[in-house]
N, C-alpha and C. Protein backbone atom coordinates (compact mmCIF):
# COMPACT_ATOMS: atom_id res chain seq x y z
N MET A 1 74.79 94.18 102.86
CA MET A 1 74.36 93.94 104.22
C MET A 1 74.41 95.23 105.05
N PHE A 2 75.39 96.07 104.75
CA PHE A 2 75.50 97.32 105.49
C PHE A 2 74.27 98.21 105.24
N LYS A 3 73.85 98.27 103.99
CA LYS A 3 72.68 99.08 103.65
C LYS A 3 71.42 98.49 104.27
N ASP A 4 71.31 97.18 104.27
CA ASP A 4 70.15 96.53 104.90
C ASP A 4 70.09 96.86 106.39
N ALA A 5 71.22 96.84 107.04
CA ALA A 5 71.26 97.11 108.48
C ALA A 5 70.90 98.56 108.78
N GLU A 6 71.30 99.44 107.90
CA GLU A 6 71.03 100.86 108.11
C GLU A 6 69.53 101.16 108.08
N LYS A 7 68.77 100.38 107.33
CA LYS A 7 67.33 100.58 107.21
C LYS A 7 66.54 100.07 108.42
N LEU A 8 67.18 99.27 109.24
CA LEU A 8 66.48 98.65 110.36
C LEU A 8 66.38 99.58 111.57
N ASP A 9 65.33 99.39 112.32
CA ASP A 9 65.14 100.10 113.59
C ASP A 9 65.71 99.20 114.69
N PRO A 10 66.75 99.65 115.39
CA PRO A 10 67.38 98.80 116.41
C PRO A 10 66.40 98.33 117.49
N GLN A 11 65.35 99.09 117.73
CA GLN A 11 64.36 98.71 118.74
C GLN A 11 63.46 97.59 118.23
N ASP A 12 62.92 97.77 117.02
CA ASP A 12 61.94 96.83 116.48
C ASP A 12 62.56 95.64 115.74
N ASP A 13 63.73 95.84 115.19
CA ASP A 13 64.36 94.81 114.35
C ASP A 13 65.67 94.31 114.94
N SER A 14 65.76 94.27 116.26
CA SER A 14 67.04 93.95 116.89
C SER A 14 67.58 92.57 116.52
N GLU A 15 66.70 91.58 116.41
CA GLU A 15 67.17 90.23 116.05
C GLU A 15 67.72 90.19 114.63
N GLU A 16 67.01 90.83 113.70
CA GLU A 16 67.46 90.86 112.31
C GLU A 16 68.77 91.65 112.20
N LEU A 17 68.86 92.77 112.91
CA LEU A 17 70.08 93.57 112.91
C LEU A 17 71.25 92.76 113.44
N GLN A 18 71.03 92.07 114.55
CA GLN A 18 72.11 91.26 115.13
C GLN A 18 72.55 90.16 114.18
N GLN A 19 71.60 89.54 113.50
CA GLN A 19 71.93 88.48 112.55
C GLN A 19 72.79 89.02 111.41
N ILE A 20 72.42 90.17 110.88
CA ILE A 20 73.20 90.79 109.80
C ILE A 20 74.61 91.12 110.28
N VAL A 21 74.69 91.73 111.45
CA VAL A 21 76.00 92.12 111.98
C VAL A 21 76.87 90.89 112.23
N GLU A 22 76.32 89.87 112.86
CA GLU A 22 77.11 88.67 113.15
C GLU A 22 77.57 87.97 111.88
N THR A 23 76.68 87.85 110.90
CA THR A 23 77.05 87.20 109.63
C THR A 23 78.13 88.00 108.91
N THR A 24 77.94 89.31 108.85
CA THR A 24 78.91 90.16 108.17
C THR A 24 80.27 90.09 108.85
N CYS A 25 80.28 90.17 110.17
CA CYS A 25 81.55 90.14 110.90
C CYS A 25 82.26 88.80 110.72
N ARG A 26 81.51 87.71 110.75
CA ARG A 26 82.10 86.39 110.55
C ARG A 26 82.74 86.30 109.16
N GLU A 27 82.03 86.78 108.14
CA GLU A 27 82.55 86.73 106.78
C GLU A 27 83.76 87.65 106.61
N LEU A 28 83.70 88.82 107.23
CA LEU A 28 84.83 89.75 107.13
C LEU A 28 86.07 89.21 107.82
N LYS A 29 85.90 88.54 108.95
CA LYS A 29 87.05 87.96 109.63
C LYS A 29 87.73 86.91 108.77
N LEU A 30 86.95 86.07 108.12
CA LEU A 30 87.52 85.07 107.23
C LEU A 30 88.17 85.74 106.02
N HIS A 31 87.50 86.73 105.48
CA HIS A 31 88.01 87.44 104.30
C HIS A 31 89.35 88.11 104.60
N THR A 32 89.46 88.80 105.73
CA THR A 32 90.72 89.47 106.06
C THR A 32 91.83 88.45 106.31
N GLU A 33 91.47 87.35 106.95
CA GLU A 33 92.46 86.30 107.20
C GLU A 33 93.02 85.76 105.88
N ILE A 34 92.13 85.50 104.93
CA ILE A 34 92.56 84.98 103.64
C ILE A 34 93.42 85.99 102.89
N GLU A 35 93.00 87.24 102.90
CA GLU A 35 93.81 88.26 102.22
C GLU A 35 95.19 88.37 102.84
N GLU A 36 95.24 88.38 104.16
CA GLU A 36 96.53 88.54 104.84
C GLU A 36 97.43 87.32 104.67
N ASP A 37 96.84 86.13 104.62
CA ASP A 37 97.62 84.90 104.50
C ASP A 37 98.02 84.58 103.06
N LEU A 38 97.15 84.88 102.11
CA LEU A 38 97.36 84.43 100.73
C LEU A 38 97.56 85.56 99.72
N VAL A 39 96.63 86.49 99.72
CA VAL A 39 96.60 87.50 98.66
C VAL A 39 97.72 88.53 98.83
N TYR A 40 97.78 89.15 99.99
CA TYR A 40 98.77 90.21 100.17
C TYR A 40 100.21 89.73 100.02
N PRO A 41 100.57 88.57 100.58
CA PRO A 41 101.96 88.12 100.35
C PRO A 41 102.28 87.92 98.87
N ALA A 42 101.34 87.36 98.11
CA ALA A 42 101.58 87.15 96.68
C ALA A 42 101.74 88.47 95.95
N ILE A 43 100.89 89.44 96.29
CA ILE A 43 100.98 90.75 95.64
C ILE A 43 102.23 91.48 96.09
N GLN A 44 102.52 91.42 97.37
CA GLN A 44 103.70 92.10 97.91
C GLN A 44 104.97 91.62 97.22
N GLU A 45 105.05 90.33 97.00
CA GLU A 45 106.23 89.75 96.34
C GLU A 45 106.37 90.25 94.90
N ALA A 46 105.23 90.46 94.24
CA ALA A 46 105.25 90.85 92.83
C ALA A 46 105.43 92.35 92.62
N LEU A 47 105.02 93.15 93.58
CA LEU A 47 105.08 94.60 93.42
C LEU A 47 106.49 95.13 93.67
N GLY A 48 106.78 96.23 93.03
CA GLY A 48 108.06 96.90 93.26
C GLY A 48 108.06 97.64 94.58
N GLU A 49 109.22 98.12 94.96
CA GLU A 49 109.37 98.83 96.24
C GLU A 49 108.46 100.05 96.32
N ASP A 50 108.25 100.72 95.22
CA ASP A 50 107.42 101.93 95.21
C ASP A 50 105.97 101.66 95.57
N ASP A 51 105.50 100.43 95.39
CA ASP A 51 104.10 100.09 95.63
C ASP A 51 103.87 99.33 96.94
N GLN A 52 104.89 99.16 97.74
CA GLN A 52 104.73 98.40 98.99
C GLN A 52 103.81 99.09 99.99
N ASP A 53 103.66 100.40 99.88
CA ASP A 53 102.75 101.11 100.78
C ASP A 53 101.30 100.64 100.60
N LEU A 54 100.95 100.16 99.42
CA LEU A 54 99.59 99.65 99.20
C LEU A 54 99.29 98.50 100.14
N ILE A 55 100.24 97.62 100.32
CA ILE A 55 100.06 96.48 101.22
C ILE A 55 100.04 96.95 102.67
N ARG A 56 100.93 97.87 103.01
CA ARG A 56 100.96 98.38 104.39
C ARG A 56 99.64 99.04 104.74
N GLU A 57 99.12 99.88 103.84
CA GLU A 57 97.84 100.56 104.07
C GLU A 57 96.70 99.55 104.21
N ALA A 58 96.71 98.54 103.37
CA ALA A 58 95.65 97.53 103.43
C ALA A 58 95.68 96.80 104.77
N ASN A 59 96.86 96.50 105.26
CA ASN A 59 96.97 95.83 106.56
C ASN A 59 96.50 96.73 107.70
N ILE A 60 96.77 98.03 107.61
CA ILE A 60 96.30 98.98 108.62
C ILE A 60 94.78 99.08 108.56
N GLU A 61 94.23 99.09 107.36
CA GLU A 61 92.77 99.12 107.21
C GLU A 61 92.15 97.86 107.80
N HIS A 62 92.80 96.72 107.60
CA HIS A 62 92.31 95.48 108.20
C HIS A 62 92.32 95.58 109.73
N ALA A 63 93.39 96.14 110.28
CA ALA A 63 93.47 96.28 111.74
C ALA A 63 92.33 97.14 112.27
N SER A 64 92.02 98.21 111.56
CA SER A 64 90.91 99.08 111.98
C SER A 64 89.59 98.34 111.91
N ALA A 65 89.39 97.58 110.84
CA ALA A 65 88.15 96.80 110.70
C ALA A 65 88.06 95.76 111.81
N LYS A 66 89.16 95.10 112.12
CA LYS A 66 89.16 94.09 113.19
C LYS A 66 88.82 94.72 114.54
N ASP A 67 89.30 95.93 114.77
CA ASP A 67 88.98 96.62 116.01
C ASP A 67 87.47 96.89 116.11
N LEU A 68 86.89 97.36 115.02
CA LEU A 68 85.45 97.62 115.01
C LEU A 68 84.65 96.32 115.18
N ILE A 69 85.11 95.25 114.54
CA ILE A 69 84.44 93.95 114.69
C ILE A 69 84.50 93.50 116.15
N ALA A 70 85.65 93.66 116.78
CA ALA A 70 85.79 93.27 118.19
C ALA A 70 84.84 94.09 119.07
N GLN A 71 84.71 95.37 118.76
CA GLN A 71 83.77 96.20 119.52
C GLN A 71 82.34 95.69 119.34
N LEU A 72 81.97 95.39 118.09
CA LEU A 72 80.62 94.90 117.81
C LEU A 72 80.34 93.58 118.54
N GLU A 73 81.35 92.73 118.61
CA GLU A 73 81.17 91.44 119.27
C GLU A 73 80.94 91.59 120.78
N GLN A 74 81.32 92.73 121.34
CA GLN A 74 81.11 92.99 122.76
C GLN A 74 79.80 93.73 123.03
N MET A 75 79.11 94.12 121.97
CA MET A 75 77.86 94.88 122.10
C MET A 75 76.67 94.00 121.79
N ASN A 76 75.50 94.57 121.99
CA ASN A 76 74.28 93.94 121.53
C ASN A 76 73.45 95.01 120.82
N PRO A 77 72.44 94.61 120.07
CA PRO A 77 71.66 95.57 119.27
C PRO A 77 71.02 96.69 120.10
N GLY A 78 70.85 96.50 121.39
CA GLY A 78 70.27 97.53 122.23
C GLY A 78 71.24 98.64 122.59
N ASP A 79 72.55 98.41 122.38
CA ASP A 79 73.54 99.45 122.67
C ASP A 79 73.39 100.59 121.66
N GLU A 80 73.45 101.81 122.16
CA GLU A 80 73.24 102.96 121.27
C GLU A 80 74.30 103.08 120.18
N ASN A 81 75.47 102.52 120.39
CA ASN A 81 76.54 102.61 119.39
C ASN A 81 76.61 101.40 118.46
N TYR A 82 75.73 100.42 118.64
CA TYR A 82 75.79 99.19 117.84
C TYR A 82 75.61 99.49 116.35
N GLN A 83 74.51 100.07 116.00
CA GLN A 83 74.24 100.34 114.59
C GLN A 83 75.23 101.37 114.01
N PRO A 84 75.56 102.47 114.74
CA PRO A 84 76.55 103.40 114.20
C PRO A 84 77.93 102.77 114.00
N THR A 85 78.33 101.88 114.91
CA THR A 85 79.63 101.21 114.76
C THR A 85 79.62 100.33 113.52
N PHE A 86 78.52 99.65 113.28
CA PHE A 86 78.41 98.81 112.08
C PHE A 86 78.44 99.68 110.83
N LYS A 87 77.82 100.83 110.88
CA LYS A 87 77.83 101.76 109.74
C LYS A 87 79.26 102.22 109.44
N VAL A 88 80.01 102.56 110.48
CA VAL A 88 81.40 102.99 110.29
C VAL A 88 82.23 101.83 109.72
N LEU A 89 81.99 100.62 110.20
CA LEU A 89 82.67 99.45 109.64
C LEU A 89 82.39 99.36 108.15
N GLY A 90 81.15 99.56 107.76
CA GLY A 90 80.79 99.53 106.34
C GLY A 90 81.52 100.60 105.54
N GLU A 91 81.66 101.78 106.11
CA GLU A 91 82.38 102.86 105.43
C GLU A 91 83.85 102.49 105.25
N TYR A 92 84.45 101.90 106.28
CA TYR A 92 85.84 101.45 106.19
C TYR A 92 85.99 100.39 105.09
N ILE A 93 85.07 99.44 105.09
CA ILE A 93 85.15 98.34 104.12
C ILE A 93 84.98 98.88 102.71
N ASN A 94 84.02 99.76 102.48
CA ASN A 94 83.82 100.33 101.15
C ASN A 94 85.05 101.07 100.67
N HIS A 95 85.67 101.83 101.55
CA HIS A 95 86.91 102.54 101.21
C HIS A 95 88.02 101.55 100.85
N HIS A 96 88.13 100.53 101.67
CA HIS A 96 89.16 99.50 101.47
C HIS A 96 88.98 98.79 100.12
N VAL A 97 87.76 98.43 99.80
CA VAL A 97 87.47 97.75 98.54
C VAL A 97 87.79 98.65 97.35
N LYS A 98 87.44 99.93 97.44
CA LYS A 98 87.75 100.87 96.35
C LYS A 98 89.26 100.93 96.10
N GLU A 99 90.03 100.99 97.18
CA GLU A 99 91.48 101.05 97.01
C GLU A 99 92.04 99.76 96.42
N GLU A 100 91.54 98.64 96.90
CA GLU A 100 92.01 97.37 96.35
C GLU A 100 91.68 97.27 94.86
N GLU A 101 90.42 97.52 94.53
CA GLU A 101 89.98 97.36 93.13
C GLU A 101 90.55 98.45 92.23
N GLY A 102 90.77 99.64 92.77
CA GLY A 102 91.24 100.74 91.94
C GLY A 102 92.74 100.84 91.82
N GLU A 103 93.47 100.36 92.83
CA GLU A 103 94.92 100.50 92.82
C GLU A 103 95.67 99.18 92.90
N MET A 104 95.41 98.44 94.00
CA MET A 104 96.20 97.25 94.27
C MET A 104 96.02 96.16 93.22
N PHE A 105 94.78 95.80 92.92
CA PHE A 105 94.55 94.69 92.00
C PHE A 105 95.01 94.98 90.58
N PRO A 106 94.80 96.20 90.06
CA PRO A 106 95.35 96.48 88.72
C PRO A 106 96.87 96.37 88.69
N LYS A 107 97.54 96.83 89.74
CA LYS A 107 99.00 96.72 89.78
C LYS A 107 99.42 95.26 89.91
N ALA A 108 98.66 94.48 90.67
CA ALA A 108 98.96 93.05 90.81
C ALA A 108 98.81 92.35 89.47
N LYS A 109 97.76 92.70 88.76
CA LYS A 109 97.54 92.08 87.44
C LYS A 109 98.67 92.44 86.49
N LYS A 110 99.06 93.71 86.51
CA LYS A 110 100.16 94.17 85.66
C LYS A 110 101.48 93.48 86.03
N ALA A 111 101.64 93.17 87.32
CA ALA A 111 102.86 92.50 87.80
C ALA A 111 102.79 90.99 87.58
N LYS A 112 101.72 90.53 86.94
CA LYS A 112 101.55 89.12 86.57
C LYS A 112 101.36 88.19 87.77
N VAL A 113 100.67 88.67 88.80
CA VAL A 113 100.30 87.80 89.93
C VAL A 113 99.29 86.79 89.39
N ASP A 114 99.41 85.55 89.79
CA ASP A 114 98.50 84.49 89.34
C ASP A 114 97.15 84.64 90.04
N ILE A 115 96.35 85.57 89.54
CA ILE A 115 95.05 85.89 90.13
C ILE A 115 94.13 84.68 90.08
N GLU A 116 94.15 83.96 88.97
CA GLU A 116 93.28 82.79 88.83
C GLU A 116 93.65 81.71 89.85
N GLY A 117 94.92 81.47 90.00
CA GLY A 117 95.39 80.48 90.98
C GLY A 117 95.04 80.90 92.40
N LEU A 118 95.22 82.19 92.70
CA LEU A 118 94.84 82.70 94.01
C LEU A 118 93.35 82.53 94.24
N GLY A 119 92.56 82.82 93.22
CA GLY A 119 91.11 82.69 93.33
C GLY A 119 90.70 81.27 93.68
N GLN A 120 91.33 80.30 93.05
CA GLN A 120 91.03 78.89 93.34
C GLN A 120 91.40 78.54 94.78
N THR A 121 92.57 78.99 95.22
CA THR A 121 93.01 78.73 96.59
C THR A 121 92.06 79.38 97.60
N ILE A 122 91.61 80.58 97.28
CA ILE A 122 90.67 81.29 98.16
C ILE A 122 89.36 80.52 98.27
N MET A 123 88.84 80.07 97.14
CA MET A 123 87.58 79.30 97.14
C MET A 123 87.73 78.04 98.01
N GLU A 124 88.86 77.35 97.85
CA GLU A 124 89.10 76.14 98.64
C GLU A 124 89.16 76.46 100.13
N ARG A 125 89.81 77.55 100.46
CA ARG A 125 89.93 77.95 101.86
C ARG A 125 88.57 78.30 102.46
N LYS A 126 87.75 79.02 101.70
CA LYS A 126 86.42 79.39 102.18
C LYS A 126 85.54 78.14 102.35
N GLN A 127 85.64 77.23 101.41
CA GLN A 127 84.84 76.01 101.51
C GLN A 127 85.30 75.17 102.70
N ALA A 128 86.60 75.14 102.96
CA ALA A 128 87.12 74.41 104.11
C ALA A 128 86.65 75.04 105.42
N ALA A 129 86.38 76.36 105.37
CA ALA A 129 85.90 77.05 106.56
C ALA A 129 84.40 76.89 106.74
N GLY A 130 83.78 76.15 105.82
CA GLY A 130 82.36 75.86 105.97
C GLY A 130 81.43 76.82 105.26
N MET A 131 81.98 77.66 104.41
CA MET A 131 81.13 78.54 103.63
C MET A 131 80.70 77.82 102.38
N GLY A 132 79.43 77.93 102.06
CA GLY A 132 78.92 77.31 100.83
C GLY A 132 79.45 78.04 99.63
N GLU A 133 79.19 77.50 98.44
CA GLU A 133 79.72 78.09 97.23
C GLU A 133 79.18 79.50 97.00
N GLU A 134 77.89 79.73 97.29
CA GLU A 134 77.31 81.07 97.11
C GLU A 134 78.05 82.08 97.98
N GLU A 135 78.26 81.76 99.26
CA GLU A 135 78.95 82.66 100.15
C GLU A 135 80.41 82.81 99.76
N ALA A 136 81.03 81.73 99.32
CA ALA A 136 82.44 81.75 98.97
C ALA A 136 82.72 82.66 97.79
N GLU A 137 81.76 82.84 96.90
CA GLU A 137 81.96 83.67 95.73
C GLU A 137 81.90 85.16 96.06
N GLN A 138 81.39 85.50 97.23
CA GLN A 138 81.32 86.91 97.61
C GLN A 138 82.66 87.35 97.96
């Protein structure tokens, strides 16, 4: 979605840009809530003291993303910083995902976190929030 938004002209495609931004922000808010409520506590409990910074960093990254989302929610596509703010949000998210997939999740797997059980709980939570199965799998 971030790449799609980057290709749009804020003047000519403002409705499409706004739709992408709103959908992405809504999904990211739910995603961060689920990670903070379910995933991070399970991983934090399983990781040793030396790896606790991974959780702290992830929570700080979430706070930064939430700040950018809040800024976007106060803007409209005509604002000159709308598209650049969304681009920066995408950069934050891509960095965050790389760290999770490259560091946190492998350590969680090694620490025997019940990834499958967490996955099921996450799917149930997303479906309860009104996301369809296609969206929930993202």
